[in-house]
């Protein structure tokens, strides 16, 4: 078959590329073979190749016709600039109006009249300055592409690119946003209608937006001689350095404030589960150094476990209160042998201490806050006992209540402790006296929980009479009465900053009170059963709660919510819910490094 001249040329070129080991994709196709090219096309291609870059490529591409994308990306640009740090925000705000005007005109030129007018109505309220009003009114009257092209003011705006004079940091900050997000249309409009002039620094700290100046010959007579001396230059440099330092300090303070205003990050949770608690676990607690775990049981016993590889070694004592000694057992023994028999447990080391002494259920235990090996416990037998875990014996018995003691708490300085009881009173004690210093009388029913304020000057009590009272420790009088619960109050927690008090109980709702005003500021819903434990984090921004519904819930106390949640739904402040398999939560506490420690018994 006879081949044409063009086919012969293409076949020769193809064989040549194959000998040079080019792939099929790299070989020129038929549509790429053009024998004639106009001079204008050649010049445009050459100029584009000589100035090839990401910005130039985007500038030479046609702007998209998607009206929805126009609106979304401009809104995103507005939010980005308004939420920027102070130096950038003040410098980039003047950029919004020329971008708004050019996007509006671009939509009209694309024939999107309805979408353009909606875009104008949605965003025109942003520009209330007097210098923008004449152009805003003019833009609103435009309806077609021909009107855009024939109007001299609009044509001047589009033909003469707006000059953006900014520092290198500001320009890089803007470019990172335009290139990293889905802002292709905004970037195309920016490249086509905004001319950039990047300087090392700005003397006035603002972006200058002006029409592109026409080129003029320099007039030698206009050049002014330098009048500043070297000393003045040095003073100016010092002033500029101080100004930059002040600006950096303001930026740092602003960044720290923004970090504090962010929602708190969720903590890691470490949960200790008590298994096979046939004795009946009443409560659990952790020592302040997080090295020991204590549990109190209904059979009157107290158990303490070491959470580290170390074991408990019992120190020698003159007598062992846990053992009944008869004189007949030591008739033929010397004093040394008697002492060795009395302390036969001292040579034993175990991972668990078992403390016996109460004659009824032990409802609550508390470790002292210092490093001393002491533990407080309260019981159904109407007493409070102080235990020394070194010899593993009971040191002191505090008597004063006439009914079972439900809770006990220790002040921050370990100098005082308080207890509350079924006898409707709370009492204040010192460790060196076996009788109470003060009694706090005011509740009409059981006082179920008690908590010291971080400054140890106030004491909070929750009662079965559905109220919470704040007492003055020294005056023994009520300074705040909080009402609003619909059931017994079983858990209390002060915020570390001392401004808030959280309470919860049988009504399954958590109330957060402002101690200054005495009013409730939060009512948190979400639990489906009784709440037994509460704990604030170190920043007083997050609250943890747990109870009989076998679920730990975390709440953002600093969040402001305008919406009112309906009955039976979780509050908007809920950050997360973490259910256990079947363990009731009886203890919660935040430790360092944002770790939430919790414990409970499997049901």
Protein backbone atom coordinates (compact mmCIF):
# COMPACT_ATOMS: atom_id res chain seq x y z
CA UNK A 1 0.00 0.00 0.00
CA UNK A 2 1.31 3.39 -0.88
CA UNK A 3 2.09 5.55 2.13
CA UNK A 4 1.89 9.28 2.22
CA UNK A 5 4.84 11.47 2.90
CA UNK A 6 3.61 12.34 6.38
CA UNK A 7 3.27 8.68 7.34
CA UNK A 8 6.79 8.04 6.12
CA UNK A 9 8.12 10.93 8.26
CA UNK A 10 6.30 9.71 11.35
CA UNK A 11 7.58 6.15 10.83
CA UNK A 12 11.16 7.39 10.53
CA UNK A 13 10.82 9.51 13.68
CA UNK A 14 9.30 6.57 15.59
CA UNK A 15 12.17 4.24 14.67
CA UNK A 16 14.65 6.89 15.73
CA UNK A 17 13.03 7.25 19.20
CA UNK A 18 12.89 3.48 19.65
CA UNK A 19 16.60 3.17 18.90
CA UNK A 20 17.18 5.83 21.56
CA UNK A 21 15.10 3.71 24.00
CA UNK A 22 12.25 6.20 24.45
CA UNK A 23 8.93 4.84 25.77
CA UNK A 24 5.63 5.16 23.91
CA UNK A 25 4.43 7.88 26.28
CA UNK A 26 7.51 10.01 25.60
CA UNK A 27 7.15 9.86 21.81
CA UNK A 28 5.27 12.71 20.09
CA UNK A 29 1.76 11.82 18.98
CA UNK A 30 0.05 12.83 15.76
CA UNK A 31 -1.76 15.75 17.33
CA UNK A 32 1.56 17.14 18.55
CA UNK A 33 3.03 17.23 15.02
CA UNK A 34 2.33 20.66 13.56
CA UNK A 35 4.13 21.95 10.49
CA UNK A 36 3.06 25.56 10.98
CA UNK A 37 2.92 27.67 14.11
CA UNK A 38 2.02 31.31 14.35
CA UNK A 39 4.67 33.74 15.51
CA UNK A 40 2.43 34.89 18.39
CA UNK A 41 2.01 31.29 19.60
CA UNK A 42 5.77 30.74 19.48
CA UNK A 43 6.43 33.90 21.51
CA UNK A 44 3.78 33.04 24.13
CA UNK A 45 5.13 29.49 24.56
CA UNK A 46 8.70 30.75 24.82
CA UNK A 47 7.79 33.36 27.40
CA UNK A 48 5.78 30.86 29.46
CA UNK A 49 8.63 28.38 29.45
CA UNK A 50 11.14 31.01 30.50
CA UNK A 51 9.00 32.05 33.49
CA UNK A 52 7.67 28.64 34.47
CA UNK A 53 6.79 28.29 38.15
CA UNK A 54 3.85 27.25 40.31
CA UNK A 55 2.61 30.82 40.69
CA UNK A 56 2.97 31.64 36.99
CA UNK A 57 1.33 28.40 35.94
CA UNK A 58 -1.67 29.16 38.15
CA UNK A 59 -1.80 32.72 36.87
CA UNK A 60 -2.00 31.54 33.25
CA UNK A 61 -4.77 29.02 33.95
CA UNK A 62 -8.41 30.00 33.62
CA UNK A 63 -10.32 30.68 36.83
CA UNK A 64 -12.95 28.10 37.74
CA UNK A 65 -16.66 28.82 37.15
CA UNK A 66 -17.89 27.05 40.30
CA UNK A 67 -19.99 29.68 42.17
CA UNK A 68 -20.22 27.58 45.35
CA UNK A 69 -16.43 27.21 45.45
CA UNK A 70 -16.05 31.00 45.09
CA UNK A 71 -18.19 31.59 48.17
CA UNK A 72 -16.69 28.80 50.28
CA UNK A 73 -13.09 29.73 49.60
CA UNK A 74 -13.63 33.45 50.23
CA UNK A 75 -15.36 32.60 53.52
CA UNK A 76 -12.39 30.39 54.43
CA UNK A 77 -9.99 33.25 53.62
CA UNK A 78 -12.00 35.64 55.79
CA UNK A 79 -12.00 33.22 58.76
CA UNK A 80 -8.25 32.62 58.32
CA UNK A 81 -7.44 36.34 58.42
CA UNK A 82 -9.82 37.13 61.32
CA UNK A 83 -8.37 34.29 63.44
CA UNK A 84 -4.75 35.18 62.66
CA UNK A 85 -2.38 36.51 65.29
CA UNK A 86 -2.39 40.25 65.89
CA UNK A 87 0.51 41.31 63.64
CA UNK A 88 -0.77 39.26 60.70
CA UNK A 89 -4.44 40.05 61.24
CA UNK A 90 -3.95 43.80 61.11
CA UNK A 91 -1.77 43.54 58.03
CA UNK A 92 -3.93 41.13 56.01
CA UNK A 93 -7.38 42.63 56.69
CA UNK A 94 -7.08 45.27 53.89
CA UNK A 95 -6.60 42.43 51.40
CA UNK A 96 -10.20 41.23 51.82
CA UNK A 97 -11.92 44.03 49.89
CA UNK A 98 -9.95 43.80 46.60
CA UNK A 99 -10.35 40.01 46.71
CA UNK A 100 -14.09 40.41 47.32
CA UNK A 101 -14.47 42.87 44.42
CA UNK A 102 -12.49 40.81 41.92
CA UNK A 103 -14.30 37.57 42.82
CA UNK A 104 -17.66 39.34 42.40
CA UNK A 105 -16.65 40.71 38.99
CA UNK A 106 -15.28 37.34 37.91
CA UNK A 107 -18.64 35.72 38.71
CA UNK A 108 -20.49 38.38 36.67
CA UNK A 109 -18.16 37.84 33.74
CA UNK A 110 -18.91 34.11 33.93
CA UNK A 111 -22.63 34.82 33.54
CA UNK A 112 -23.47 33.88 37.16
CA UNK A 113 -25.61 36.93 37.92
CA UNK A 114 -27.80 35.39 40.67
CA UNK A 115 -24.88 33.73 42.45
CA UNK A 116 -22.85 36.97 42.21
CA UNK A 117 -25.58 39.08 43.81
CA UNK A 118 -26.04 36.50 46.59
CA UNK A 119 -22.29 36.59 47.16
CA UNK A 120 -22.46 40.41 47.35
CA UNK A 121 -25.33 40.40 49.85
CA UNK A 122 -23.68 37.78 52.04
CA UNK A 123 -20.33 39.53 52.42
CA UNK A 124 -20.88 43.26 51.80
CA UNK A 125 -21.58 43.89 55.51
CA UNK A 126 -17.93 43.14 56.24
CA UNK A 127 -16.86 46.41 54.60
CA UNK A 128 -18.40 49.32 56.52
CA UNK A 129 -15.59 51.80 55.91
CA UNK A 130 -16.59 54.96 54.03
CA UNK A 131 -13.98 54.53 51.30
CA UNK A 132 -15.58 51.22 50.26
CA UNK A 133 -19.20 52.43 50.06
CA UNK A 134 -19.11 54.10 46.57
CA UNK A 135 -17.53 51.04 44.95
CA UNK A 136 -19.91 48.67 46.78
CA UNK A 137 -22.92 50.57 45.41
CA UNK A 138 -21.40 50.56 41.92
CA UNK A 139 -20.72 46.82 42.05
CA UNK A 140 -24.28 46.09 43.12
CA UNK A 141 -25.69 47.85 40.03
CA UNK A 142 -23.67 45.69 37.58
CA UNK A 143 -25.50 42.74 36.03
CA UNK A 144 -23.75 41.64 32.81
CA UNK A 145 -20.26 41.17 31.47
CA UNK A 146 -20.69 44.04 29.02
CA UNK A 147 -21.44 46.45 31.88
CA UNK A 148 -18.30 45.27 33.65
CA UNK A 149 -16.18 45.88 30.57
CA UNK A 150 -17.66 49.29 29.72
CA UNK A 151 -17.56 50.81 33.19
CA UNK A 152 -14.37 52.86 33.50
CA UNK A 153 -13.98 52.55 37.29
CA UNK A 154 -14.41 48.77 37.21
CA UNK A 155 -12.13 48.42 34.19
CA UNK A 156 -9.45 50.42 36.00
CA UNK A 157 -9.78 48.15 39.04
CA UNK A 158 -9.31 45.01 36.92
CA UNK A 159 -6.65 46.33 34.56
CA UNK A 160 -4.44 48.03 37.16
CA UNK A 161 -3.37 45.29 39.55
CA UNK A 162 -3.58 46.17 43.23
CA UNK A 163 -0.14 46.36 44.83
CA UNK A 164 0.34 44.37 48.04
CA UNK A 165 3.38 45.60 49.98
CA UNK A 166 4.14 43.20 52.85
CA UNK A 167 6.97 41.79 54.84
CA UNK A 168 8.46 38.41 54.02
CA UNK A 169 6.95 36.76 57.13
CA UNK A 170 3.46 38.02 56.34
CA UNK A 171 3.70 36.97 52.70
CA UNK A 172 4.95 33.47 53.64
CA UNK A 173 2.16 33.16 56.22
CA UNK A 174 -0.47 33.96 53.57
CA UNK A 175 1.08 31.72 50.92
CA UNK A 176 1.18 28.73 53.27
CA UNK A 177 -2.56 29.03 53.76
CA UNK A 178 -3.35 29.50 50.06
CA UNK A 179 -1.24 26.53 48.98
CA UNK A 180 -1.93 24.02 51.74
CA UNK A 181 -5.72 24.33 51.85
CA UNK A 182 -8.24 23.82 49.04
CA UNK A 183 -7.99 27.44 47.90
CA UNK A 184 -7.20 27.11 44.20
CA UNK A 185 -9.68 29.79 43.06
CA UNK A 186 -8.50 32.30 45.67
CA UNK A 187 -4.90 31.66 44.64
CA UNK A 188 -5.75 32.17 40.94
CA UNK A 189 -7.55 35.46 41.67
CA UNK A 190 -4.67 36.55 43.87
CA UNK A 191 -2.09 35.81 41.16
CA UNK A 192 -4.10 37.50 38.42
CA UNK A 193 -5.28 40.69 40.15
CA UNK A 194 -2.87 41.29 43.05
CA UNK A 195 0.70 42.45 42.49
CA UNK A 196 3.06 41.58 45.36
CA UNK A 197 5.95 43.69 46.61
CA UNK A 198 7.81 41.75 49.33
CA UNK A 199 10.08 43.78 51.60
CA UNK A 200 12.38 42.77 54.41
CA UNK A 201 10.33 44.70 57.00
CA UNK A 202 7.52 47.23 57.14
CA UNK A 203 8.14 50.54 58.89
CA UNK A 204 4.49 51.11 59.73
CA UNK A 205 3.56 47.51 60.35
CA UNK A 206 0.72 47.53 57.81
CA UNK A 207 0.05 46.31 54.34
CA UNK A 208 -0.12 49.05 51.74
CA UNK A 209 -2.77 48.48 49.09
CA UNK A 210 -2.63 50.91 46.19
CA UNK A 211 -2.95 51.02 42.42
CA UNK A 212 0.17 50.02 40.48
CA UNK A 213 2.17 53.21 39.95
CA UNK A 214 3.13 54.32 36.45
CA UNK A 215 6.80 54.30 35.55
CA UNK A 216 8.44 57.74 35.69
CA UNK A 217 11.93 58.90 35.15
CA UNK A 218 13.78 59.69 38.29
CA UNK A 219 14.38 63.37 38.94
CA UNK A 220 17.86 63.96 40.34
CA UNK A 221 16.69 67.16 41.99
CA UNK A 222 14.25 65.22 44.16
CA UNK A 223 16.98 63.23 45.87
CA UNK A 224 17.37 64.55 49.41
CA UNK A 225 20.73 64.34 51.15
CA UNK A 226 21.09 62.18 54.17
CA UNK A 227 20.81 64.15 57.39
CA UNK A 228 20.89 61.37 60.01
CA UNK A 229 24.15 60.86 61.82
CA UNK A 230 25.65 57.54 62.93
CA UNK A 231 24.49 58.09 66.51
CA UNK A 232 20.93 58.64 65.36
CA UNK A 233 21.11 55.45 63.28
CA UNK A 234 22.22 53.50 66.34
CA UNK A 235 19.41 54.96 68.43
CA UNK A 236 16.95 54.05 65.70
CA UNK A 237 18.27 50.49 65.58
CA UNK A 238 17.90 50.15 69.37
CA UNK A 239 14.33 51.46 69.19
CA UNK A 240 13.47 49.05 66.41
CA UNK A 241 15.01 46.15 68.35
CA UNK A 242 12.98 47.06 71.42
CA UNK A 243 9.83 47.35 69.32
CA UNK A 244 10.48 43.93 67.78
CA UNK A 245 11.07 42.46 71.26
CA UNK A 246 7.81 43.99 72.50
CA UNK A 247 5.97 42.61 69.48
CA UNK A 248 7.37 39.13 70.06
CA UNK A 249 6.31 39.25 73.71
CA UNK A 250 2.78 40.25 72.69
CA UNK A 251 2.67 37.42 70.12
CA UNK A 252 3.84 34.92 72.74
CA UNK A 253 1.23 36.12 75.25
CA UNK A 254 -1.47 35.93 72.58
CA UNK A 255 -0.42 32.40 71.58
CA UNK A 256 -0.41 31.25 75.22
CA UNK A 257 -3.89 32.71 75.73
CA UNK A 258 -5.17 30.93 72.62
CA UNK A 259 -3.69 27.66 73.86
CA UNK A 260 -5.44 28.07 77.22
CA UNK A 261 -8.73 28.81 75.45
CA UNK A 262 -8.60 25.55 73.47
CA UNK A 263 -10.68 22.58 74.68
CA UNK A 264 -8.73 20.38 77.14
CA UNK A 265 -7.08 17.29 75.72
CA UNK A 266 -8.44 13.95 76.83
CA UNK A 267 -6.32 12.24 79.49
CA UNK A 268 -4.98 8.71 79.60
CA UNK A 269 -6.98 6.58 82.04
CA UNK A 270 -5.48 3.98 84.38
CA UNK A 271 -8.21 1.87 86.02
CA UNK A 272 -7.63 -0.51 88.96
CA UNK A 273 -10.31 -3.19 89.23
CA UNK A 274 -10.93 -5.14 92.47
CA UNK A 275 -11.84 -8.74 91.64
CA UNK A 276 -13.40 -11.39 93.88
CA UNK A 277 -14.38 -8.85 96.54
CA UNK A 278 -16.50 -11.26 98.58
CA UNK A 279 -15.92 -9.01 101.62
CA UNK A 280 -17.76 -6.19 99.83
CA UNK A 281 -15.69 -3.18 98.71
CA UNK A 282 -16.96 0.09 100.20
CA UNK A 283 -14.36 2.47 98.76
CA UNK A 284 -10.87 2.71 97.31
CA UNK A 285 -8.16 5.35 97.45
CA UNK A 286 -4.64 6.03 96.19
CA UNK A 287 -1.76 7.59 98.12
CA UNK A 288 -0.65 11.09 96.98
CA UNK A 289 2.59 9.66 95.56
CA UNK A 290 0.53 7.05 93.61
CA UNK A 291 2.60 4.19 95.05
CA UNK A 292 -0.06 2.55 97.25
CA UNK A 293 -3.66 1.50 96.68
CA UNK A 294 -6.04 1.09 99.60
CA UNK A 295 -9.42 -0.57 99.85
CA UNK A 296 -11.96 -0.63 102.68
CA UNK A 297 -14.42 -3.51 103.08
CA UNK A 298 -17.70 -4.33 104.75
CA UNK A 299 -16.12 -6.99 107.00
CA UNK A 300 -14.20 -4.28 108.89
CA UNK A 301 -10.85 -4.89 107.19
CA UNK A 302 -8.53 -2.54 105.31
CA UNK A 303 -6.14 -3.74 102.62
CA UNK A 304 -3.22 -1.77 101.17
CA UNK A 305 -1.34 -2.88 98.03
CA UNK A 306 2.02 -1.69 96.76
CA UNK A 307 1.85 -0.53 93.14
CA UNK A 308 5.62 -0.82 92.75
CA UNK A 309 7.89 -3.89 92.75
CA UNK A 310 8.82 -3.10 96.36
CA UNK A 311 7.11 -5.07 99.12
CA UNK A 312 5.95 -4.04 102.61
CA UNK A 313 8.34 -4.95 105.41
CA UNK A 314 6.88 -4.79 108.90
CA UNK A 315 9.03 -2.88 111.39
CA UNK A 316 9.60 -4.35 114.90
CA UNK A 317 7.32 -3.26 117.77
CA UNK A 318 7.18 -3.79 121.51
CA UNK A 319 3.77 -5.43 121.21
CA UNK A 320 1.48 -6.73 118.51
CA UNK A 321 -2.11 -5.50 119.03
CA UNK A 322 -3.38 -7.96 116.45
CA UNK A 323 -2.34 -10.92 118.56
CA UNK A 324 -3.66 -11.97 122.00
CA UNK A 325 -0.74 -12.90 124.25
CA UNK A 326 -0.98 -15.18 127.29
CA UNK A 327 1.71 -15.22 129.97
CA UNK A 328 1.69 -19.03 129.94
CA UNK A 329 3.09 -18.97 126.41
CA UNK A 330 6.36 -17.41 127.63
CA UNK A 331 7.08 -19.17 130.94
CA UNK A 332 10.35 -20.72 129.79
CA UNK A 333 11.47 -17.92 127.39
CA UNK A 334 14.02 -15.20 127.89
CA UNK A 335 13.26 -11.57 127.13
CA UNK A 336 15.07 -11.82 123.78
CA UNK A 337 13.06 -14.87 122.77
CA UNK A 338 9.84 -13.15 123.84
CA UNK A 339 10.72 -10.12 121.69
CA UNK A 340 11.50 -12.35 118.70
CA UNK A 341 8.19 -14.21 119.03
CA UNK A 342 6.30 -10.96 119.36
CA UNK A 343 7.87 -9.68 116.14
CA UNK A 344 7.83 -12.88 114.12
CA UNK A 345 5.96 -11.00 111.37
CA UNK A 346 8.70 -8.37 111.08
CA UNK A 347 10.85 -10.63 108.94
CA UNK A 348 8.00 -11.26 106.50
CA UNK A 349 7.59 -9.07 103.39
CA UNK A 350 4.37 -9.01 101.42
CA UNK A 351 2.76 -7.00 98.60
CA UNK A 352 -0.37 -6.43 100.67
CA UNK A 353 -1.06 -5.15 104.18
CA UNK A 354 -4.19 -6.29 105.98
CA UNK A 355 -5.32 -3.99 108.82
CA UNK A 356 -7.89 -5.25 111.32
CA UNK A 357 -9.43 -3.29 114.18
CA UNK A 358 -12.81 -1.81 113.25
CA UNK A 359 -15.91 -3.58 114.53
CA UNK A 360 -18.04 -2.68 111.54
CA UNK A 361 -17.87 -1.86 107.86
CA UNK A 362 -15.10 0.57 106.89
CA UNK A 363 -16.65 3.18 104.63
CA UNK A 364 -13.72 5.40 103.65
CA UNK A 365 -9.93 5.54 103.91
CA UNK A 366 -7.52 8.42 103.26
CA UNK A 367 -3.71 8.51 102.99
CA UNK A 368 -1.91 11.46 104.51
CA UNK A 369 -0.53 13.82 101.90
CA UNK A 370 3.09 13.74 103.04
CA UNK A 371 5.44 10.76 102.79
CA UNK A 372 4.59 9.43 106.25
CA UNK A 373 3.12 5.90 106.27
CA UNK A 374 -0.18 6.87 107.94
CA UNK A 375 -3.73 6.09 106.93
CA UNK A 376 -7.09 7.35 108.26
CA UNK A 377 -10.25 5.26 108.21
CA UNK A 378 -13.86 5.76 109.28
CA UNK A 379 -16.31 3.01 110.13
CA UNK A 380 -19.77 1.88 111.09
CA UNK A 381 -18.53 1.55 114.68
CA UNK A 382 -18.70 5.39 115.03
CA UNK A 383 -14.92 5.80 115.22
CA UNK A 384 -12.08 7.19 113.12
CA UNK A 385 -8.74 5.36 113.34
CA UNK A 386 -5.18 6.35 112.45
CA UNK A 387 -3.03 3.48 111.15
CA UNK A 388 0.76 3.24 110.96
CA UNK A 389 1.69 1.05 108.02
CA UNK A 390 5.31 0.62 109.10
CA UNK A 391 4.47 -1.68 112.06
CA UNK A 392 1.02 -2.31 110.50
CA UNK A 393 -0.87 -1.38 113.66
CA UNK A 394 -3.54 1.05 114.84
CA UNK A 395 -2.05 4.14 116.53
CA UNK A 396 -5.04 6.28 117.60
CA UNK A 397 -8.81 5.89 117.95
CA UNK A 398 -10.85 9.10 117.58
CA UNK A 399 -14.27 9.01 119.22
CA UNK A 400 -16.89 11.74 119.03
CA UNK A 401 -19.65 10.69 116.65
CA UNK A 402 -22.73 8.88 117.91
CA UNK A 403 -23.58 7.18 114.60
CA UNK A 404 -21.72 5.54 111.71
CA UNK A 405 -19.08 7.78 110.11
CA UNK A 406 -19.54 7.96 106.33
CA UNK A 407 -16.54 10.00 105.16
CA UNK A 408 -13.24 11.48 106.31
CA UNK A 409 -10.96 14.02 104.61
CA UNK A 410 -7.55 15.56 105.34
CA UNK A 411 -6.51 19.20 104.91
CA UNK A 412 -3.78 20.15 102.45
CA UNK A 413 -1.25 20.78 105.21
CA UNK A 414 -1.94 17.41 106.94
CA UNK A 415 -2.58 19.34 110.17
CA UNK A 416 -6.36 18.84 110.37
CA UNK A 417 -8.90 16.29 109.27
CA UNK A 418 -12.69 16.29 109.20
CA UNK A 419 -15.36 13.59 109.37
CA UNK A 420 -19.09 13.43 108.70
CA UNK A 421 -21.67 11.05 110.08
CA UNK A 422 -25.19 9.71 110.18
CA UNK A 423 -25.70 11.88 113.27
CA UNK A 424 -26.19 14.92 110.86
CA UNK A 425 -22.96 16.59 111.98
CA UNK A 426 -19.44 17.11 110.68
CA UNK A 427 -16.49 17.37 113.06
CA UNK A 428 -13.00 18.85 112.88
CA UNK A 429 -10.04 17.01 114.44
CA UNK A 430 -6.29 17.28 114.99
CA UNK A 431 -4.05 14.22 114.97
CA UNK A 432 -2.70 14.79 118.48
CA UNK A 433 -6.12 14.93 120.19
CA UNK A 434 -8.69 12.16 120.41
CA UNK A 435 -11.66 14.52 120.74
CA UNK A 436 -13.06 16.90 118.08
CA UNK A 437 -12.13 20.57 118.00
CA UNK A 438 -15.39 21.78 116.42
CA UNK A 439 -18.75 20.45 115.33
CA UNK A 440 -20.56 21.74 112.26
CA UNK A 441 -24.31 21.55 112.81
CA UNK A 442 -26.87 22.62 110.22
CA UNK A 443 -27.91 19.67 108.05
CA UNK A 444 -31.23 18.01 108.82
CA UNK A 445 -30.21 14.52 107.62
CA UNK A 446 -27.07 12.38 107.13
CA UNK A 447 -23.90 14.19 106.11
CA UNK A 448 -22.63 11.82 103.40
CA UNK A 449 -19.46 13.49 102.06
CA UNK A 450 -16.96 16.11 103.12
CA UNK A 451 -14.18 17.99 101.32
CA UNK A 452 -11.55 20.61 102.27
CA UNK A 453 -11.08 23.73 100.17
CA UNK A 454 -7.56 24.01 98.64
CA UNK A 455 -6.71 26.82 101.08
CA UNK A 456 -7.95 24.73 104.07
CA UNK A 457 -9.99 27.70 105.32
CA UNK A 458 -13.32 26.29 104.19
CA UNK A 459 -15.07 22.94 104.38
CA UNK A 460 -17.83 21.63 102.08
CA UNK A 461 -20.38 19.02 103.15
CA UNK A 462 -23.00 17.17 101.12
CA UNK A 463 -26.06 15.73 102.79
CA UNK A 464 -29.09 13.51 102.32
CA UNK A 465 -31.21 16.65 102.80
CA UNK A 466 -30.28 17.47 99.14
CA UNK A 467 -28.13 20.49 100.04
CA UNK A 468 -24.45 21.38 100.00
CA UNK A 469 -23.02 23.67 102.67
CA UNK A 470 -19.76 25.61 102.69
CA UNK A 471 -18.42 26.17 106.20
CA UNK A 472 -15.81 28.48 107.65
CA UNK A 473 -13.31 26.17 109.36
CA UNK A 474 -12.38 28.62 112.11
CA UNK A 475 -15.85 30.06 112.79
CA UNK A 476 -17.83 26.83 112.29
CA UNK A 477 -20.64 28.68 110.51
CA UNK A 478 -22.27 28.28 107.10
CA UNK A 479 -21.03 30.83 104.54
CA UNK A 480 -22.76 29.32 101.47
CA UNK A 481 -25.84 27.14 101.08
CA UNK A 482 -26.23 25.43 97.69
CA UNK A 483 -29.68 24.06 96.88
CA UNK A 484 -30.96 22.37 93.75
CA UNK A 485 -30.20 18.65 93.92
CA UNK A 486 -33.11 16.21 93.82
CA UNK A 487 -31.45 13.48 95.89
CA UNK A 488 -28.69 12.81 98.39
CA UNK A 489 -25.34 14.44 97.62
CA UNK A 490 -22.67 11.72 97.67
CA UNK A 491 -19.64 13.32 95.94
CA UNK A 492 -17.87 16.68 96.16
CA UNK A 493 -14.78 18.15 94.46
CA UNK A 494 -13.12 21.58 94.61
CA UNK A 495 -11.28 22.92 91.57
CA UNK A 496 -7.54 23.42 92.19
CA UNK A 497 -7.88 27.18 91.62
CA UNK A 498 -10.43 27.29 94.46
CA UNK A 499 -13.16 29.02 92.44
CA UNK A 500 -15.52 26.12 91.68
CA UNK A 501 -17.22 23.33 93.59
CA UNK A 502 -18.74 20.28 91.87
CA UNK A 503 -21.40 18.12 93.55
CA UNK A 504 -23.28 14.99 92.48
CA UNK A 505 -25.23 12.09 93.91
CA UNK A 506 -28.45 10.14 93.60
CA UNK A 507 -30.15 12.47 91.11
CA UNK A 508 -27.48 11.52 88.50
CA UNK A 509 -26.76 15.17 87.73
CA UNK A 510 -23.54 17.05 88.34
CA UNK A 511 -23.82 20.65 89.45
CA UNK A 512 -20.88 23.06 89.25
CA UNK A 513 -21.13 26.02 91.62
CA UNK A 514 -19.36 29.37 91.53
CA UNK A 515 -18.11 29.94 95.09
CA UNK A 516 -17.91 33.70 94.62
CA UNK A 517 -21.55 34.24 93.69
CA UNK A 518 -23.02 31.06 95.15
CA UNK A 519 -24.88 30.30 91.90
CA UNK A 520 -24.82 27.17 89.77
CA UNK A 521 -22.99 27.72 86.47
CA UNK A 522 -23.24 24.21 84.99
CA UNK A 523 -25.67 21.34 85.25
CA UNK A 524 -24.21 18.29 83.54
CA UNK A 525 -26.46 15.44 82.41
CA UNK A 526 -25.32 12.11 81.05
CA UNK A 527 -25.03 9.55 83.84
CA UNK A 528 -27.71 6.87 84.02
CA UNK A 529 -27.15 5.92 87.68
CA UNK A 530 -25.81 7.29 90.98
CA UNK A 531 -22.57 9.32 90.81
CA UNK A 532 -20.05 8.32 93.50
CA UNK A 533 -16.86 10.20 92.59
CA UNK A 534 -15.71 13.52 91.08
CA UNK A 535 -12.27 14.97 90.27
CA UNK A 536 -10.96 18.17 88.62
CA UNK A 537 -7.81 18.26 86.50
CA UNK A 538 -4.85 20.47 87.46
CA UNK A 539 -5.98 23.36 85.19
CA UNK A 540 -9.56 23.38 86.57
CA UNK A 541 -10.89 23.08 83.00
CA UNK A 542 -11.95 19.44 82.97
CA UNK A 543 -14.08 17.40 85.36
CA UNK A 544 -14.16 13.60 85.62
CA UNK A 545 -17.13 11.73 87.08
CA UNK A 546 -17.99 8.08 87.69
CA UNK A 547 -20.50 5.96 89.53
CA UNK A 548 -22.86 3.03 89.48
CA UNK A 549 -23.42 3.14 85.71
CA UNK A 550 -19.88 1.71 85.24
CA UNK A 551 -18.81 4.62 83.06
CA UNK A 552 -16.24 7.40 83.41
CA UNK A 553 -17.32 10.67 81.83
CA UNK A 554 -15.16 13.71 81.10
CA UNK A 555 -16.62 17.23 80.94
CA UNK A 556 -15.26 20.51 79.56
CA UNK A 557 -16.13 22.99 82.31
CA UNK A 558 -14.71 26.00 80.45
CA UNK A 559 -16.99 25.49 77.44
CA UNK A 560 -19.84 27.96 77.01
CA UNK A 561 -22.98 26.38 75.58
CA UNK A 562 -26.00 28.38 74.46
CA UNK A 563 -28.12 25.39 73.59
CA UNK A 564 -30.22 23.74 76.31
CA UNK A 565 -30.17 19.97 76.13
CA UNK A 566 -33.40 18.10 76.58
CA UNK A 567 -34.15 15.80 79.48
CA UNK A 568 -32.36 12.45 79.24
CA UNK A 569 -29.65 13.63 76.85
CA UNK A 570 -25.98 14.30 77.56
CA UNK A 571 -24.89 17.90 78.05
CA UNK A 572 -22.90 19.67 75.36
CA UNK A 573 -19.91 19.87 77.74
CA UNK A 574 -19.35 16.10 77.52
CA UNK A 575 -15.90 15.36 76.06
CA UNK A 576 -16.06 11.57 76.19
CA UNK A 577 -17.51 8.52 77.93
CA UNK A 578 -15.38 5.50 78.82
CA UNK A 579 -17.33 2.48 80.09
CA UNK A 580 -15.77 -0.29 82.16
CA UNK A 581 -16.73 -3.93 81.68
CA UNK A 582 -18.75 -4.20 84.88
CA UNK A 583 -16.86 -2.21 87.54
CA UNK A 584 -18.53 0.51 89.61
CA UNK A 585 -16.32 3.60 89.89
CA UNK A 586 -15.61 4.58 93.50
CA UNK A 587 -12.43 6.66 93.14
CA UNK A 588 -11.14 9.26 90.64
CA UNK A 589 -8.04 11.44 90.77
CA UNK A 590 -5.88 13.29 88.24
CA UNK A 591 -2.13 12.88 88.45
CA UNK A 592 0.70 14.65 86.69
CA UNK A 593 1.13 14.42 82.92
CA UNK A 594 -2.66 14.37 82.37
CA UNK A 595 -3.31 10.83 83.65
CA UNK A 596 -6.66 9.98 85.25
CA UNK A 597 -6.41 7.30 87.94
CA UNK A 598 -9.58 5.40 88.79
CA UNK A 599 -10.59 2.32 90.72
CA UNK A 600 -13.66 0.27 91.52
CA UNK A 601 -14.98 -3.20 92.13
CA UNK A 602 -16.46 -5.54 89.57
CA UNK A 603 -20.18 -6.05 90.05
